[in-house]
N, C-alpha and C. Protein backbone atom coordinates (compact mmCIF):
# COMPACT_ATOMS: atom_id res chain seq x y z
N UNK A 1 0.82 -1.19 0.00
CA UNK A 1 0.00 0.00 0.00
C UNK A 1 0.87 1.26 0.00
N UNK A 2 1.93 1.25 0.79
CA UNK A 2 2.82 2.41 0.86
C UNK A 2 3.50 2.64 -0.48
N UNK A 3 3.84 1.56 -1.18
CA UNK A 3 4.48 1.71 -2.48
C UNK A 3 3.54 2.41 -3.47
N UNK A 4 2.25 2.11 -3.39
CA UNK A 4 1.28 2.75 -4.27
C UNK A 4 1.19 4.25 -3.99
N UNK A 5 1.20 4.61 -2.73
CA UNK A 5 1.13 6.03 -2.36
C UNK A 5 2.36 6.76 -2.87
N UNK A 6 3.53 6.19 -2.65
CA UNK A 6 4.77 6.81 -3.11
C UNK A 6 4.77 6.92 -4.63
N UNK A 7 4.31 5.87 -5.31
CA UNK A 7 4.24 5.89 -6.78
C UNK A 7 3.30 7.00 -7.26
N UNK A 8 2.14 7.14 -6.62
CA UNK A 8 1.17 8.17 -7.02
C UNK A 8 1.75 9.57 -6.76
N UNK A 9 2.44 9.75 -5.64
CA UNK A 9 3.03 11.05 -5.35
C UNK A 9 4.13 11.40 -6.34
N UNK A 10 4.96 10.42 -6.70
CA UNK A 10 6.01 10.67 -7.68
C UNK A 10 5.42 11.00 -9.05
N UNK A 11 4.34 10.31 -9.41
CA UNK A 11 3.67 10.60 -10.67
C UNK A 11 3.13 12.03 -10.67
N UNK A 12 2.52 12.43 -9.56
CA UNK A 12 2.01 13.80 -9.46
C UNK A 12 3.14 14.81 -9.55
N UNK A 13 4.25 14.54 -8.91
CA UNK A 13 5.39 15.46 -8.95
C UNK A 13 5.89 15.63 -10.38
N UNK A 14 5.87 14.57 -11.16
CA UNK A 14 6.34 14.65 -12.54
C UNK A 14 5.33 15.33 -13.46
N UNK A 15 4.04 15.19 -13.18
CA UNK A 15 3.01 15.76 -14.06
C UNK A 15 2.69 17.22 -13.77
N UNK A 16 2.75 17.62 -12.52
CA UNK A 16 2.33 18.97 -12.15
C UNK A 16 3.23 20.05 -12.73
N UNK A 17 4.56 19.92 -12.78
CA UNK A 17 5.35 21.00 -13.39
C UNK A 17 4.95 21.30 -14.83
N UNK A 18 4.59 20.28 -15.59
CA UNK A 18 4.14 20.51 -16.97
C UNK A 18 2.87 21.34 -17.00
N UNK A 19 1.96 21.06 -16.08
CA UNK A 19 0.72 21.84 -16.02
C UNK A 19 0.99 23.26 -15.54
N UNK A 20 1.91 23.39 -14.59
CA UNK A 20 2.23 24.73 -14.07
C UNK A 20 2.90 25.59 -15.13
N UNK A 21 3.61 24.98 -16.05
CA UNK A 21 4.31 25.74 -17.08
C UNK A 21 3.42 26.03 -18.29
N UNK A 22 2.15 25.66 -18.23
CA UNK A 22 1.25 25.84 -19.36
C UNK A 22 0.64 27.24 -19.40
N UNK A 23 1.15 28.18 -18.62
CA UNK A 23 0.62 29.54 -18.63
C UNK A 23 0.88 30.21 -19.97
N UNK A 24 0.02 31.17 -20.27
CA UNK A 24 0.16 31.92 -21.51
C UNK A 24 1.44 32.72 -21.52
N UNK A 25 2.04 32.85 -22.70
CA UNK A 25 3.27 33.61 -22.87
C UNK A 25 3.10 34.59 -24.03
N UNK A 26 3.76 35.74 -23.91
CA UNK A 26 3.75 36.73 -24.98
C UNK A 26 4.59 36.22 -26.14
N UNK A 27 3.99 36.15 -27.33
CA UNK A 27 4.71 35.67 -28.52
C UNK A 27 5.29 36.81 -29.33
N UNK A 28 4.50 37.87 -29.56
CA UNK A 28 4.98 38.99 -30.36
C UNK A 28 4.26 40.26 -29.93
N UNK A 29 4.86 41.39 -30.30
CA UNK A 29 4.28 42.68 -29.92
C UNK A 29 4.65 43.74 -30.94
N UNK A 30 3.79 44.76 -31.05
CA UNK A 30 4.05 45.93 -31.87
C UNK A 30 3.77 47.15 -31.01
N UNK A 31 4.74 48.00 -30.76
CA UNK A 31 6.15 47.92 -31.11
C UNK A 31 6.81 46.72 -30.42
N UNK A 32 7.82 46.19 -31.06
CA UNK A 32 8.49 44.99 -30.58
C UNK A 32 9.37 45.29 -29.36
N UNK A 33 9.65 44.25 -28.61
CA UNK A 33 10.51 44.36 -27.42
C UNK A 33 11.88 44.90 -27.84
N UNK A 34 12.38 45.86 -27.07
CA UNK A 34 13.70 46.47 -27.26
C UNK A 34 13.88 47.11 -28.64
N UNK A 35 12.79 47.42 -29.33
CA UNK A 35 12.91 48.04 -30.65
C UNK A 35 12.99 49.56 -30.52
N UNK A 36 13.46 50.19 -31.57
CA UNK A 36 13.45 51.64 -31.67
C UNK A 36 12.62 51.99 -32.89
N UNK A 37 11.58 52.79 -32.67
CA UNK A 37 10.69 53.18 -33.77
C UNK A 37 10.92 54.66 -34.07
N UNK A 38 10.80 55.01 -35.35
CA UNK A 38 11.03 56.39 -35.77
C UNK A 38 9.75 57.21 -35.85
N UNK A 39 8.62 56.54 -35.64
CA UNK A 39 7.32 57.21 -35.65
C UNK A 39 6.58 56.77 -34.40
N UNK A 40 5.96 57.70 -33.72
CA UNK A 40 5.18 57.36 -32.53
C UNK A 40 4.09 56.37 -32.91
N UNK A 41 4.00 55.23 -32.20
CA UNK A 41 2.96 54.26 -32.54
C UNK A 41 1.57 54.82 -32.22
N UNK A 42 0.57 54.37 -32.95
CA UNK A 42 -0.80 54.79 -32.69
C UNK A 42 -1.54 53.71 -31.91
N UNK A 43 -1.01 52.49 -31.94
CA UNK A 43 -1.60 51.39 -31.18
C UNK A 43 -0.50 50.53 -30.56
N UNK A 44 -0.87 49.82 -29.52
CA UNK A 44 -0.02 48.81 -28.89
C UNK A 44 -0.73 47.48 -29.12
N UNK A 45 -0.02 46.51 -29.69
CA UNK A 45 -0.61 45.20 -29.97
C UNK A 45 0.27 44.11 -29.39
N UNK A 46 -0.35 43.11 -28.76
CA UNK A 46 0.38 41.97 -28.23
C UNK A 46 -0.35 40.69 -28.57
N UNK A 47 0.42 39.66 -28.95
CA UNK A 47 -0.15 38.35 -29.26
C UNK A 47 0.44 37.33 -28.30
N UNK A 48 -0.41 36.45 -27.78
CA UNK A 48 -0.01 35.44 -26.82
C UNK A 48 -0.16 34.06 -27.42
N UNK A 49 0.44 33.05 -26.79
CA UNK A 49 0.43 31.71 -27.37
C UNK A 49 -0.86 30.94 -27.08
N UNK A 50 -1.75 31.49 -26.26
CA UNK A 50 -3.04 30.87 -26.00
C UNK A 50 -4.11 31.95 -25.93
N UNK A 51 -5.34 31.53 -25.92
CA UNK A 51 -6.45 32.47 -25.79
C UNK A 51 -6.34 33.17 -24.43
N UNK A 52 -6.67 34.47 -24.41
CA UNK A 52 -6.66 35.22 -23.16
C UNK A 52 -8.06 35.76 -22.89
N UNK A 53 -8.33 36.04 -21.64
CA UNK A 53 -9.66 36.49 -21.23
C UNK A 53 -9.81 38.01 -21.37
N UNK A 54 -11.05 38.47 -21.39
CA UNK A 54 -11.34 39.89 -21.62
C UNK A 54 -10.89 40.80 -20.48
N UNK A 55 -10.60 40.27 -19.31
CA UNK A 55 -10.13 41.08 -18.19
C UNK A 55 -8.65 41.43 -18.31
N UNK A 56 -7.97 40.91 -19.32
CA UNK A 56 -6.56 41.21 -19.54
C UNK A 56 -6.39 42.69 -19.87
N UNK A 57 -5.25 43.28 -19.48
CA UNK A 57 -5.03 44.70 -19.75
C UNK A 57 -3.54 45.02 -19.75
N UNK A 58 -3.23 46.28 -20.08
CA UNK A 58 -1.84 46.73 -20.05
C UNK A 58 -1.78 48.20 -19.69
N UNK A 59 -0.59 48.62 -19.25
CA UNK A 59 -0.31 50.03 -18.96
C UNK A 59 0.91 50.43 -19.76
N UNK A 60 0.93 51.66 -20.23
CA UNK A 60 2.08 52.22 -20.93
C UNK A 60 2.69 53.28 -20.02
N UNK A 61 3.99 53.12 -19.70
CA UNK A 61 4.67 54.03 -18.79
C UNK A 61 5.84 54.70 -19.50
N UNK A 62 6.07 55.99 -19.21
CA UNK A 62 7.24 56.66 -19.76
C UNK A 62 8.46 56.37 -18.89
N UNK A 63 9.60 56.94 -19.23
CA UNK A 63 10.84 56.66 -18.50
C UNK A 63 10.77 57.08 -17.04
N UNK A 64 9.95 58.09 -16.73
CA UNK A 64 9.80 58.55 -15.35
C UNK A 64 8.82 57.68 -14.56
N UNK A 65 8.17 56.72 -15.23
CA UNK A 65 7.21 55.84 -14.56
C UNK A 65 5.79 56.36 -14.56
N UNK A 66 5.56 57.49 -15.27
CA UNK A 66 4.21 58.04 -15.36
C UNK A 66 3.41 57.27 -16.40
N UNK A 67 2.14 56.99 -16.08
CA UNK A 67 1.30 56.25 -17.01
C UNK A 67 0.83 57.15 -18.14
N UNK A 68 0.93 56.65 -19.36
CA UNK A 68 0.48 57.34 -20.56
C UNK A 68 -0.94 56.85 -20.87
N UNK A 69 -1.82 57.77 -21.21
CA UNK A 69 -3.22 57.43 -21.47
C UNK A 69 -3.35 56.59 -22.75
N UNK A 70 -4.07 55.47 -22.63
CA UNK A 70 -4.40 54.61 -23.77
C UNK A 70 -5.88 54.26 -23.69
N UNK A 71 -6.42 53.79 -24.79
CA UNK A 71 -7.81 53.32 -24.78
C UNK A 71 -7.88 52.02 -23.99
N UNK A 72 -9.10 51.63 -23.64
CA UNK A 72 -9.29 50.35 -22.94
C UNK A 72 -8.80 49.23 -23.84
N UNK A 73 -8.10 48.29 -23.25
CA UNK A 73 -7.56 47.17 -24.02
C UNK A 73 -8.69 46.34 -24.62
N UNK A 74 -8.55 46.04 -25.91
CA UNK A 74 -9.49 45.17 -26.60
C UNK A 74 -8.86 43.79 -26.73
N UNK A 75 -9.56 42.77 -26.27
CA UNK A 75 -9.05 41.40 -26.34
C UNK A 75 -9.84 40.65 -27.38
N UNK A 76 -9.10 39.96 -28.27
CA UNK A 76 -9.73 39.17 -29.32
C UNK A 76 -8.94 37.88 -29.45
N UNK A 77 -9.47 36.79 -28.90
CA UNK A 77 -8.78 35.50 -28.98
C UNK A 77 -7.50 35.51 -28.18
N UNK A 78 -6.37 35.47 -28.89
CA UNK A 78 -5.06 35.43 -28.21
C UNK A 78 -4.33 36.77 -28.33
N UNK A 79 -5.03 37.84 -28.74
CA UNK A 79 -4.35 39.13 -28.90
C UNK A 79 -5.04 40.21 -28.08
N UNK A 80 -4.24 41.23 -27.76
CA UNK A 80 -4.73 42.38 -27.00
C UNK A 80 -4.22 43.63 -27.70
N UNK A 81 -5.09 44.65 -27.78
CA UNK A 81 -4.74 45.85 -28.53
C UNK A 81 -5.32 47.07 -27.82
N UNK A 82 -4.58 48.16 -27.85
CA UNK A 82 -5.06 49.42 -27.30
C UNK A 82 -4.52 50.58 -28.11
N UNK A 83 -5.29 51.66 -28.23
CA UNK A 83 -4.89 52.82 -29.01
C UNK A 83 -4.31 53.89 -28.10
N UNK A 84 -3.38 54.66 -28.66
CA UNK A 84 -2.81 55.79 -27.94
C UNK A 84 -3.60 57.03 -28.28
N UNK A 85 -3.84 57.88 -27.29
CA UNK A 85 -4.60 59.10 -27.54
C UNK A 85 -3.70 60.25 -27.95
N UNK A 86 -2.43 60.21 -27.55
CA UNK A 86 -1.48 61.28 -27.87
C UNK A 86 -0.25 60.72 -28.56
N UNK A 87 0.46 61.60 -29.25
CA UNK A 87 1.74 61.24 -29.86
C UNK A 87 2.79 61.12 -28.77
N UNK A 88 3.59 60.07 -28.83
CA UNK A 88 4.64 59.87 -27.82
C UNK A 88 5.86 60.72 -28.18
N UNK A 89 6.44 61.32 -27.17
CA UNK A 89 7.69 62.07 -27.35
C UNK A 89 8.83 61.07 -27.44
N UNK A 90 9.98 61.53 -27.93
CA UNK A 90 11.16 60.66 -27.98
C UNK A 90 11.51 60.21 -26.56
N UNK A 91 11.86 58.95 -26.43
CA UNK A 91 12.22 58.40 -25.13
C UNK A 91 11.92 56.92 -25.05
N UNK A 92 12.20 56.35 -23.89
CA UNK A 92 11.96 54.92 -23.67
C UNK A 92 10.64 54.74 -22.93
N UNK A 93 9.88 53.75 -23.37
CA UNK A 93 8.57 53.46 -22.79
C UNK A 93 8.51 51.99 -22.39
N UNK A 94 7.76 51.71 -21.33
CA UNK A 94 7.59 50.34 -20.85
C UNK A 94 6.12 49.97 -20.90
N UNK A 95 5.85 48.78 -21.40
CA UNK A 95 4.49 48.25 -21.41
C UNK A 95 4.44 47.17 -20.34
N UNK A 96 3.57 47.36 -19.35
CA UNK A 96 3.35 46.37 -18.29
C UNK A 96 1.99 45.74 -18.56
N UNK A 97 1.99 44.43 -18.81
CA UNK A 97 0.75 43.76 -19.14
C UNK A 97 0.40 42.71 -18.09
N UNK A 98 -0.90 42.49 -17.94
CA UNK A 98 -1.43 41.44 -17.08
C UNK A 98 -2.52 40.75 -17.87
N UNK A 99 -2.39 39.45 -18.02
CA UNK A 99 -3.42 38.71 -18.75
C UNK A 99 -3.98 37.61 -17.87
N UNK A 100 -5.18 37.22 -18.19
CA UNK A 100 -5.80 36.04 -17.60
C UNK A 100 -5.81 35.02 -18.72
N UNK A 101 -5.01 33.96 -18.56
CA UNK A 101 -4.90 32.95 -19.60
C UNK A 101 -6.12 32.04 -19.64
N UNK A 102 -6.16 31.21 -20.64
CA UNK A 102 -7.26 30.26 -20.80
C UNK A 102 -7.33 29.30 -19.62
N UNK A 103 -6.18 29.10 -18.94
CA UNK A 103 -6.15 28.21 -17.77
C UNK A 103 -6.64 28.91 -16.52
N UNK A 104 -7.01 30.20 -16.63
CA UNK A 104 -7.54 30.93 -15.49
C UNK A 104 -6.49 31.61 -14.62
N UNK A 105 -5.23 31.41 -14.92
CA UNK A 105 -4.16 32.01 -14.13
C UNK A 105 -3.79 33.38 -14.67
N UNK A 106 -3.45 34.27 -13.75
CA UNK A 106 -2.99 35.60 -14.11
C UNK A 106 -1.49 35.55 -14.36
N UNK A 107 -1.05 36.16 -15.46
CA UNK A 107 0.37 36.20 -15.81
C UNK A 107 0.73 37.66 -16.07
N UNK A 108 1.82 38.12 -15.48
CA UNK A 108 2.30 39.49 -15.66
C UNK A 108 3.58 39.48 -16.46
N UNK A 109 3.85 40.58 -17.11
CA UNK A 109 5.11 40.73 -17.83
C UNK A 109 5.28 42.16 -18.27
N UNK A 110 6.43 42.47 -18.79
CA UNK A 110 6.66 43.81 -19.32
C UNK A 110 7.76 43.76 -20.36
N UNK A 111 7.81 44.81 -21.15
CA UNK A 111 8.89 44.99 -22.11
C UNK A 111 8.98 46.46 -22.45
N UNK A 112 10.10 46.87 -23.04
CA UNK A 112 10.32 48.27 -23.35
C UNK A 112 10.59 48.46 -24.84
N UNK A 113 10.34 49.68 -25.28
CA UNK A 113 10.69 50.10 -26.64
C UNK A 113 11.05 51.58 -26.58
N UNK A 114 11.69 52.07 -27.62
CA UNK A 114 12.14 53.46 -27.65
C UNK A 114 11.55 54.17 -28.86
N UNK A 115 11.10 55.40 -28.66
CA UNK A 115 10.66 56.26 -29.76
C UNK A 115 11.81 57.22 -30.03
N UNK A 116 12.27 57.24 -31.29
CA UNK A 116 13.35 58.14 -31.69
C UNK A 116 12.96 58.76 -33.04
N UNK A 117 11.97 59.66 -32.98
CA UNK A 117 11.50 60.32 -34.20
C UNK A 117 12.48 61.41 -34.59
N UNK A 118 12.80 61.52 -35.88
CA UNK A 118 13.71 62.58 -36.31
C UNK A 118 13.10 63.95 -36.02
N UNK A 119 13.96 64.88 -35.64
CA UNK A 119 13.49 66.24 -35.36
C UNK A 119 13.09 66.91 -36.67
N UNK A 120 12.01 67.67 -36.61
CA UNK A 120 11.58 68.39 -37.81
C UNK A 120 12.28 69.73 -37.82
N UNK A 121 12.80 70.10 -38.94
CA UNK A 121 13.52 71.37 -39.07
C UNK A 121 12.52 72.51 -39.17
N UNK A 122 12.70 73.50 -38.31
CA UNK A 122 11.84 74.67 -38.35
C UNK A 122 12.59 75.78 -39.09
N UNK A 123 11.89 76.54 -39.91
CA UNK A 123 12.57 77.62 -40.63
C UNK A 123 13.07 78.68 -39.65
N UNK A 124 14.24 79.21 -39.94
CA UNK A 124 14.79 80.25 -39.06
C UNK A 124 14.02 81.55 -39.30
N UNK A 125 13.90 82.41 -38.28
CA UNK A 125 13.09 83.62 -38.42
C UNK A 125 13.66 84.59 -39.46
N UNK A 126 14.97 84.55 -39.76
CA UNK A 126 15.55 85.47 -40.73
C UNK A 126 15.55 84.90 -42.15
N UNK A 127 14.96 83.73 -42.33
CA UNK A 127 14.90 83.14 -43.67
C UNK A 127 13.89 83.91 -44.50
N UNK A 128 14.23 84.15 -45.74
CA UNK A 128 13.32 84.88 -46.61
C UNK A 128 12.46 83.89 -47.36
N UNK A 129 11.25 84.28 -47.57
CA UNK A 129 10.33 83.42 -48.32
C UNK A 129 10.18 83.99 -49.71
N UNK A 130 10.15 83.11 -50.66
CA UNK A 130 10.04 83.54 -52.05
C UNK A 130 8.85 82.87 -52.67
N UNK A 131 8.16 83.59 -53.51
CA UNK A 131 7.01 83.02 -54.21
C UNK A 131 7.42 82.44 -55.55
N UNK A 132 8.68 82.64 -55.92
CA UNK A 132 9.15 82.10 -57.19
C UNK A 132 9.46 80.62 -57.03
N UNK A 133 9.14 79.82 -58.07
CA UNK A 133 9.45 78.40 -57.96
C UNK A 133 10.96 78.17 -57.95
N UNK A 134 11.35 77.18 -57.27
CA UNK A 134 12.77 76.84 -57.12
C UNK A 134 13.22 76.05 -58.33
N UNK A 135 14.46 76.23 -58.74
CA UNK A 135 15.00 75.50 -59.88
C UNK A 135 15.35 74.07 -59.50
N UNK A 136 15.60 73.83 -58.22
CA UNK A 136 15.93 72.47 -57.78
C UNK A 136 14.66 71.82 -57.26
N UNK A 137 14.45 70.57 -57.63
CA UNK A 137 13.23 69.90 -57.16
C UNK A 137 13.31 69.66 -55.65
N UNK A 138 12.17 69.76 -55.01
CA UNK A 138 12.14 69.50 -53.57
C UNK A 138 12.10 67.98 -53.36
N UNK A 139 12.72 67.53 -52.29
CA UNK A 139 12.73 66.09 -52.05
C UNK A 139 11.31 65.60 -51.74
N UNK A 140 11.03 64.40 -52.18
CA UNK A 140 9.72 63.84 -51.90
C UNK A 140 9.68 63.38 -50.44
N UNK A 141 8.51 63.44 -49.83
CA UNK A 141 8.43 63.03 -48.42
C UNK A 141 8.72 61.55 -48.29
N UNK A 142 9.36 61.22 -47.18
CA UNK A 142 9.67 59.81 -46.93
C UNK A 142 8.66 59.24 -45.95
N UNK A 143 8.36 58.01 -46.13
CA UNK A 143 7.42 57.32 -45.25
C UNK A 143 8.23 56.40 -44.37
N UNK A 144 8.02 56.53 -43.08
CA UNK A 144 8.75 55.68 -42.13
C UNK A 144 8.20 54.26 -42.20
N UNK A 145 9.07 53.28 -42.08
CA UNK A 145 8.59 51.90 -42.12
C UNK A 145 7.75 51.59 -40.89
N UNK A 146 6.78 50.69 -41.08
CA UNK A 146 5.95 50.28 -39.95
C UNK A 146 6.78 49.40 -39.02
N UNK A 147 6.50 49.48 -37.71
CA UNK A 147 7.24 48.62 -36.79
C UNK A 147 6.95 47.16 -37.08
N UNK A 148 7.94 46.33 -36.90
CA UNK A 148 7.77 44.91 -37.16
C UNK A 148 7.51 44.16 -35.87
N UNK A 149 6.83 43.04 -36.01
CA UNK A 149 6.59 42.20 -34.84
C UNK A 149 7.83 41.35 -34.61
N UNK A 150 8.19 41.23 -33.37
CA UNK A 150 9.34 40.41 -33.03
C UNK A 150 8.99 39.57 -31.82
N UNK A 151 9.56 38.37 -31.73
CA UNK A 151 9.28 37.53 -30.57
C UNK A 151 9.73 38.23 -29.30
N UNK A 152 8.99 37.98 -28.24
CA UNK A 152 9.30 38.58 -26.95
C UNK A 152 9.62 37.45 -25.98
N UNK A 153 10.70 37.60 -25.26
CA UNK A 153 11.09 36.62 -24.25
C UNK A 153 11.07 37.30 -22.91
N UNK A 154 10.00 37.12 -22.16
CA UNK A 154 9.87 37.80 -20.87
C UNK A 154 10.40 36.90 -19.77
N UNK A 155 11.43 37.35 -19.09
CA UNK A 155 12.01 36.55 -18.01
C UNK A 155 11.11 36.55 -16.80
N UNK A 156 10.23 37.54 -16.66
CA UNK A 156 9.32 37.54 -15.52
C UNK A 156 8.36 36.36 -15.59
N UNK A 157 7.93 35.98 -16.80
CA UNK A 157 7.04 34.84 -16.95
C UNK A 157 7.72 33.58 -16.45
N UNK A 158 8.98 33.40 -16.78
CA UNK A 158 9.71 32.21 -16.37
C UNK A 158 9.83 32.15 -14.86
N UNK A 159 10.07 33.30 -14.23
CA UNK A 159 10.15 33.35 -12.77
C UNK A 159 8.83 32.99 -12.14
N UNK A 160 7.73 33.42 -12.74
CA UNK A 160 6.40 33.11 -12.23
C UNK A 160 6.14 31.62 -12.31
N UNK A 161 6.53 30.97 -13.41
CA UNK A 161 6.34 29.53 -13.55
C UNK A 161 7.17 28.77 -12.54
N UNK A 162 8.40 29.19 -12.31
CA UNK A 162 9.27 28.52 -11.35
C UNK A 162 8.69 28.62 -9.95
N UNK A 163 8.14 29.78 -9.60
CA UNK A 163 7.52 29.96 -8.28
C UNK A 163 6.33 29.01 -8.13
N UNK A 164 5.53 28.89 -9.18
CA UNK A 164 4.37 27.99 -9.14
C UNK A 164 4.82 26.55 -8.91
N UNK A 165 5.89 26.15 -9.57
CA UNK A 165 6.40 24.79 -9.43
C UNK A 165 6.86 24.55 -8.00
N UNK A 166 7.57 25.52 -7.43
CA UNK A 166 8.04 25.37 -6.05
C UNK A 166 6.89 25.27 -5.06
N UNK A 167 5.86 26.06 -5.26
CA UNK A 167 4.70 26.02 -4.36
C UNK A 167 4.01 24.67 -4.44
N UNK A 168 3.78 24.18 -5.66
CA UNK A 168 3.12 22.89 -5.84
C UNK A 168 3.96 21.76 -5.24
N UNK A 169 5.27 21.80 -5.49
CA UNK A 169 6.16 20.77 -4.94
C UNK A 169 6.13 20.81 -3.41
N UNK A 170 6.09 22.00 -2.83
CA UNK A 170 6.03 22.13 -1.37
C UNK A 170 4.75 21.55 -0.82
N UNK A 171 3.62 21.80 -1.48
CA UNK A 171 2.34 21.26 -1.04
C UNK A 171 2.36 19.73 -1.11
N UNK A 172 2.90 19.19 -2.17
CA UNK A 172 2.98 17.73 -2.31
C UNK A 172 3.88 17.15 -1.23
N UNK A 173 4.99 17.80 -0.95
CA UNK A 173 5.91 17.31 0.07
C UNK A 173 5.23 17.30 1.44
N UNK A 174 4.51 18.35 1.78
CA UNK A 174 3.80 18.41 3.06
C UNK A 174 2.73 17.34 3.12
N UNK A 175 1.98 17.16 2.03
CA UNK A 175 0.94 16.13 2.00
C UNK A 175 1.54 14.74 2.18
N UNK A 176 2.67 14.47 1.54
CA UNK A 176 3.33 13.17 1.69
C UNK A 176 3.80 12.97 3.12
N UNK A 177 4.34 14.02 3.73
CA UNK A 177 4.81 13.91 5.12
C UNK A 177 3.64 13.62 6.05
N UNK A 178 2.51 14.26 5.85
CA UNK A 178 1.32 14.01 6.69
C UNK A 178 0.84 12.58 6.52
N UNK A 179 0.78 12.10 5.29
CA UNK A 179 0.35 10.72 5.04
C UNK A 179 1.28 9.74 5.74
N UNK A 180 2.57 9.97 5.66
CA UNK A 180 3.53 9.06 6.29
C UNK A 180 3.40 9.08 7.82
N UNK A 181 3.16 10.26 8.39
CA UNK A 181 2.98 10.35 9.84
C UNK A 181 1.72 9.63 10.29
N UNK A 182 0.66 9.78 9.53
CA UNK A 182 -0.59 9.08 9.85
C UNK A 182 -0.44 7.58 9.73
N UNK A 183 0.32 7.12 8.76
CA UNK A 183 0.53 5.68 8.57
C UNK A 183 1.33 5.09 9.73
N UNK A 184 2.29 5.84 10.26
CA UNK A 184 3.12 5.36 11.37
C UNK A 184 2.34 5.27 12.66
N UNK A 185 1.35 6.11 12.86
CA UNK A 185 0.54 6.09 14.09
C UNK A 185 -0.31 4.84 14.18
N UNK A 186 -0.67 4.25 13.07
CA UNK A 186 -1.55 3.06 13.06
C UNK A 186 -0.85 1.82 13.46
């Protein structure tokens, strides 16, 4: 009988870490993790490896830690999206996200990106304006490339999974110790 209990506990110990590691993970984002964009983004988009619940959300913070206003996060299947109400100034920004995965567990993470828009040249006050057409053609406007999606590797997610594994292993260890103590009393 004791061998069966030990076998069942060992089986649980081997199976539970796989279940604990099944939490949702961020797969890609726009703007991408650690990217530098030349145009202020108008939306923040994140895709996860599993379906996420509608209570999932994110915050956009500037380098000083102040929250930047965004629209309410829209969740659709495994993606989350929010619009920016204002143009971002040059600088580093952090997105802190919290999702509720399909397994019902809350997972947190964050990543950063940088806005580095080229400065626009303002005419000097002593510049003269002419109504005559110029002999040299003016350069055509350039369009900045759209930000690309890149895989995101959040180390905070891994730490969260490891903590879950330790908690489950501790509970199993305590349960096994209680069972063994009860068996010895008989």
